[in-house]
């Protein structure tokens, strides 16, 4: 019984750690990650799809849910004006199946 409870708790914690609930901050010093939105998908490190509900933001796959409050988010992001200011370059896609990492070396930024 203890094993089952421990397994369930571990699963819940793991899901929370990998979910992509983000909050957009107003200043770069408030952010965990500085992000630049590219004009073309080939320029991006990550293709992002904005989901409508928080439960849809699963794992580190580029499915982002923007929270209303910063305490609800796992990551705080700041959108930069120039690409050289950013830690991560993203491109917003139209469909959830298009969301994915193009540069796996930057994946650690959202863990």
Protein backbone atom coordinates (compact mmCIF):
# COMPACT_ATOMS: atom_id res chain seq x y z
CA UNK A 1 0.00 0.00 0.00
CA UNK A 2 2.79 2.42 0.88
CA UNK A 3 4.48 1.62 -2.42
CA UNK A 4 1.36 2.53 -4.38
CA UNK A 5 0.92 5.83 -2.54
CA UNK A 6 4.58 6.68 -2.99
CA UNK A 7 4.38 5.85 -6.70
CA UNK A 8 1.32 8.06 -7.19
CA UNK A 9 2.95 10.97 -5.35
CA UNK A 10 6.12 10.60 -7.39
CA UNK A 11 4.09 10.59 -10.61
CA UNK A 12 2.21 13.76 -9.61
CA UNK A 13 5.42 15.56 -8.67
CA UNK A 14 7.09 14.51 -11.93
CA UNK A 15 4.14 15.76 -13.98
CA UNK A 16 4.26 19.11 -12.18
CA UNK A 17 7.97 19.47 -12.84
CA UNK A 18 7.62 18.89 -16.55
CA UNK A 19 4.46 20.81 -17.23
CA UNK A 20 4.71 24.02 -19.18
CA UNK A 21 2.68 26.56 -17.24
CA UNK A 22 4.26 29.92 -17.92
CA UNK A 23 3.73 33.48 -16.80
CA UNK A 24 4.82 36.48 -18.82
CA UNK A 25 6.65 39.05 -16.68
CA UNK A 26 7.22 42.73 -17.44
CA UNK A 27 10.94 42.94 -16.67
CA UNK A 28 13.83 40.69 -17.65
CA UNK A 29 15.19 40.46 -14.10
CA UNK A 30 11.93 38.79 -13.00
CA UNK A 31 12.21 36.01 -15.57
CA UNK A 32 13.53 32.48 -15.36
CA UNK A 33 13.94 32.46 -19.14
CA UNK A 34 14.23 35.29 -21.66
CA UNK A 35 12.36 34.44 -24.86
CA UNK A 36 12.35 35.87 -28.36
CA UNK A 37 9.53 35.13 -30.80
CA UNK A 38 10.90 34.48 -34.29
CA UNK A 39 9.15 35.27 -37.56
CA UNK A 40 9.89 31.84 -39.04
CA UNK A 41 9.82 28.35 -37.55
CA UNK A 42 13.29 27.44 -38.87
CA UNK A 43 14.82 30.19 -36.70
CA UNK A 44 13.35 28.83 -33.46
CA UNK A 45 14.73 26.51 -30.80
CA UNK A 46 11.21 25.53 -29.76
CA UNK A 47 7.89 25.45 -31.60
CA UNK A 48 5.20 26.48 -29.09
CA UNK A 49 1.47 25.93 -29.13
CA UNK A 50 -0.67 27.91 -26.66
CA UNK A 51 -3.19 25.58 -25.02
CA UNK A 52 -6.50 26.78 -23.61
CA UNK A 53 -6.50 24.76 -20.38
CA UNK A 54 -3.75 24.14 -17.85
CA UNK A 55 -4.20 20.35 -17.90
CA UNK A 56 -3.24 20.35 -21.60
CA UNK A 57 0.23 21.70 -20.82
CA UNK A 58 2.05 18.40 -20.46
CA UNK A 59 5.73 17.66 -20.24
CA UNK A 60 8.43 19.72 -21.92
CA UNK A 61 7.04 19.50 -25.45
CA UNK A 62 6.16 23.09 -26.27
CA UNK A 63 2.55 23.01 -25.11
CA UNK A 64 2.32 26.20 -23.04
CA UNK A 65 -0.45 27.42 -20.81
CA UNK A 66 -0.18 31.09 -19.81
CA UNK A 67 -1.28 31.57 -16.22
CA UNK A 68 -2.97 34.67 -14.87
CA UNK A 69 -0.78 34.79 -11.77
CA UNK A 70 2.97 34.25 -11.41
CA UNK A 71 2.62 31.84 -8.47
CA UNK A 72 0.65 29.42 -10.68
CA UNK A 73 3.47 29.09 -13.21
CA UNK A 74 6.44 26.75 -13.26
CA UNK A 75 8.43 29.22 -15.38
CA UNK A 76 8.36 32.98 -15.71
CA UNK A 77 9.26 34.24 -19.17
CA UNK A 78 10.20 37.64 -20.46
CA UNK A 79 9.67 38.40 -24.14
CA UNK A 80 12.67 40.29 -25.52
CA UNK A 81 12.67 42.74 -28.42
CA UNK A 82 15.83 41.32 -30.00
CA UNK A 83 16.99 37.74 -30.54
CA UNK A 84 20.48 38.34 -29.09
CA UNK A 85 18.88 39.21 -25.72
CA UNK A 86 17.09 35.87 -25.45
CA UNK A 87 18.02 32.55 -23.88
CA UNK A 88 15.46 30.77 -26.02
CA UNK A 89 13.96 31.48 -29.44
CA UNK A 90 10.41 30.30 -30.00
CA UNK A 91 7.87 30.27 -32.79
CA UNK A 92 4.13 30.01 -32.14
CA UNK A 93 2.47 27.29 -34.23
CA UNK A 94 -1.19 26.87 -35.18
CA UNK A 95 -1.71 23.26 -34.09
CA UNK A 96 -0.70 21.28 -31.00
CA UNK A 97 0.87 18.45 -33.01
CA UNK A 98 3.39 20.93 -34.45
CA UNK A 99 4.84 21.78 -31.02
CA UNK A 100 8.32 20.33 -30.50
CA UNK A 101 11.92 21.05 -29.70
CA UNK A 102 14.18 21.84 -32.62
CA UNK A 103 17.26 22.46 -30.47
CA UNK A 104 17.47 19.86 -27.70
CA UNK A 105 20.50 21.60 -26.19
CA UNK A 106 18.16 24.31 -24.86
CA UNK A 107 15.67 21.88 -23.30
CA UNK A 108 17.19 22.34 -19.86
CA UNK A 109 15.96 25.94 -19.76
CA UNK A 110 12.39 24.78 -19.17
CA UNK A 111 13.00 21.97 -16.67
